[in-house]
Amino acid sequence: MKTTVEIPSGLFAEAKRYAKAEHTTLKALVEMGLRRVLADEKNKPAFKLRDESVGGHGLTPEFRNASWEHIRDAVYGRRDA
């Protein structure tokens, strides 16, 4: 597959020098870089959310069977428009 990629001139020059010193091509460097990034991404551990729950037994009796509106009003105050 052929494609066009824009590379900042300083990075391009550095990559060309590196490729020459390593007796390889810029194309091979780009392929190696892409493969490395994709492999690193595959090997990342899955995000795990820390358990920050607190002890307790759920809602207090006052709110156990309350509607969301009642709980919201208790927390934020009544918001009559």
C-alpha atoms as a PDB file:
ATOM      1  CA  MET A   1       0.000   0.000   0.000  1.00  0.00           C
ATOM      2  CA  LYS A   2       1.364   3.392  -0.904  1.00  0.00           C
ATOM      3  CA  THR A   3       0.484   6.480   1.070  1.00  0.00           C
ATOM      4  CA  THR A   4       1.753   9.977   1.736  1.00  0.00           C
ATOM      5  CA  VAL A   5       2.917  10.954   5.202  1.00  0.00           C
ATOM      6  CA  GLU A   6       3.993  14.435   6.245  1.00  0.00           C
ATOM      7  CA  ILE A   7       7.059  14.372   8.505  1.00  0.00           C
ATOM      8  CA  PRO A   8       8.637  17.483  10.033  1.00  0.00           C
ATOM      9  CA  SER A   9      11.859  18.295   8.176  1.00  0.00           C
ATOM     10  CA  GLY A  10      14.094  17.925  11.243  1.00  0.00           C
ATOM     11  CA  LEU A  11      12.688  14.495  12.066  1.00  0.00           C
ATOM     12  CA  PHE A  12      12.945  13.452   8.419  1.00  0.00           C
ATOM     13  CA  ALA A  13      16.624  14.450   8.239  1.00  0.00           C
ATOM     14  CA  GLU A  14      17.397  12.649  11.503  1.00  0.00           C
ATOM     15  CA  ALA A  15      15.573   9.516  10.322  1.00  0.00           C
ATOM     16  CA  LYS A  16      17.435   9.543   6.985  1.00  0.00           C
ATOM     17  CA  ARG A  17      20.783   9.814   8.816  1.00  0.00           C
ATOM     18  CA  TYR A  18      19.801   6.987  11.158  1.00  0.00           C
ATOM     19  CA  ALA A  19      18.634   4.777   8.282  1.00  0.00           C
ATOM     20  CA  LYS A  20      21.911   5.344   6.431  1.00  0.00           C
ATOM     21  CA  ALA A  21      23.993   4.570   9.523  1.00  0.00           C
ATOM     22  CA  GLU A  22      21.985   1.380  10.133  1.00  0.00           C
ATOM     23  CA  HIS A  23      22.111   0.340   6.446  1.00  0.00           C
ATOM     24  CA  THR A  24      18.331   0.326   6.128  1.00  0.00           C
ATOM     25  CA  THR A  25      15.658   2.438   4.465  1.00  0.00           C
ATOM     26  CA  LEU A  26      13.295   5.086   5.711  1.00  0.00           C
ATOM     27  CA  LYS A  27      10.443   2.778   4.682  1.00  0.00           C
ATOM     28  CA  ALA A  28      11.824   0.025   6.937  1.00  0.00           C
ATOM     29  CA  LEU A  29      12.139   2.490   9.847  1.00  0.00           C
ATOM     30  CA  VAL A  30       8.525   3.619   9.432  1.00  0.00           C
ATOM     31  CA  GLU A  31       7.363  -0.009   9.333  1.00  0.00           C
ATOM     32  CA  MET A  32       9.398  -0.866  12.452  1.00  0.00           C
ATOM     33  CA  GLY A  33       8.027   2.163  14.274  1.00  0.00           C
ATOM     34  CA  LEU A  34       4.427   1.365  13.405  1.00  0.00           C
ATOM     35  CA  ARG A  35       4.840  -2.285  14.387  1.00  0.00           C
ATOM     36  CA  ARG A  36       6.430  -1.301  17.697  1.00  0.00           C
ATOM     37  CA  VAL A  37       3.682   1.186  18.584  1.00  0.00           C
ATOM     38  CA  LEU A  38       0.943  -1.296  17.685  1.00  0.00           C
ATOM     39  CA  ALA A  39       2.627  -4.114  19.645  1.00  0.00           C
ATOM     40  CA  ASP A  40       3.072  -1.844  22.684  1.00  0.00           C
ATOM     41  CA  GLU A  41      -0.592  -0.907  22.520  1.00  0.00           C
ATOM     42  CA  LYS A  42      -1.613  -4.581  22.378  1.00  0.00           C
ATOM     43  CA  ASN A  43       0.510  -5.383  25.439  1.00  0.00           C
ATOM     44  CA  LYS A  44      -0.859  -2.567  27.600  1.00  0.00           C
ATOM     45  CA  PRO A  45      -2.769  -3.846  30.592  1.00  0.00           C
ATOM     46  CA  ALA A  46      -6.482  -3.090  30.514  1.00  0.00           C
ATOM     47  CA  PHE A  47      -7.575  -0.062  32.516  1.00  0.00           C
ATOM     48  CA  LYS A  48      -8.881  -1.075  35.916  1.00  0.00           C
ATOM     49  CA  LEU A  49     -10.784   1.385  38.035  1.00  0.00           C
ATOM     50  CA  ARG A  50      -9.679   1.389  41.666  1.00  0.00           C
ATOM     51  CA  ASP A  51     -12.300   0.235  44.139  1.00  0.00           C
ATOM     52  CA  GLU A  52     -13.037   3.374  46.153  1.00  0.00           C
ATOM     53  CA  SER A  53     -16.257   2.144  47.671  1.00  0.00           C
ATOM     54  CA  VAL A  54     -16.864   2.785  51.345  1.00  0.00           C
ATOM     55  CA  GLY A  55     -18.329   0.570  54.007  1.00  0.00           C
ATOM     56  CA  GLY A  56     -21.950   0.896  54.892  1.00  0.00           C
ATOM     57  CA  HIS A  57     -25.307  -0.620  54.285  1.00  0.00           C
ATOM     58  CA  GLY A  58     -26.682   1.415  51.429  1.00  0.00           C
ATOM     59  CA  LEU A  59     -29.007   4.368  51.737  1.00  0.00           C
ATOM     60  CA  THR A  60     -30.243   5.630  55.075  1.00  0.00           C
ATOM     61  CA  PRO A  61     -33.870   4.815  55.883  1.00  0.00           C
ATOM     62  CA  GLU A  62     -34.840   8.402  54.929  1.00  0.00           C
ATOM     63  CA  PHE A  63     -33.711   7.852  51.347  1.00  0.00           C
ATOM     64  CA  ARG A  64     -34.141   4.095  50.879  1.00  0.00           C
ATOM     65  CA  ASN A  65     -37.395   4.370  48.896  1.00  0.00           C
ATOM     66  CA  ALA A  66     -37.069   8.017  47.883  1.00  0.00           C
ATOM     67  CA  SER A  67     -37.351   9.263  44.329  1.00  0.00           C
ATOM     68  CA  TRP A  68     -34.372  10.797  42.556  1.00  0.00           C
ATOM     69  CA  GLU A  69     -36.045  14.206  42.816  1.00  0.00           C
ATOM     70  CA  HIS A  70     -36.305  13.877  46.627  1.00  0.00           C
ATOM     71  CA  ILE A  71     -32.639  12.846  46.917  1.00  0.00           C
ATOM     72  CA  ARG A  72     -31.547  15.616  44.538  1.00  0.00           C
ATOM     73  CA  ASP A  73     -33.516  18.240  46.449  1.00  0.00           C
ATOM     74  CA  ALA A  74     -32.018  17.063  49.735  1.00  0.00           C
ATOM     75  CA  VAL A  75     -28.490  17.294  48.343  1.00  0.00           C
ATOM     76  CA  TYR A  76     -28.776  20.494  46.269  1.00  0.00           C
ATOM     77  CA  GLY A  77     -31.776  22.195  47.817  1.00  0.00           C
ATOM     78  CA  ARG A  78     -35.080  22.724  46.109  1.00  0.00           C
ATOM     79  CA  ARG A  79     -34.745  24.280  42.678  1.00  0.00           C
ATOM     80  CA  ASP A  80     -38.155  25.654  41.819  1.00  0.00           C
ATOM     81  CA  ALA A  81     -38.031  27.447  38.505  1.00  0.00           C
END
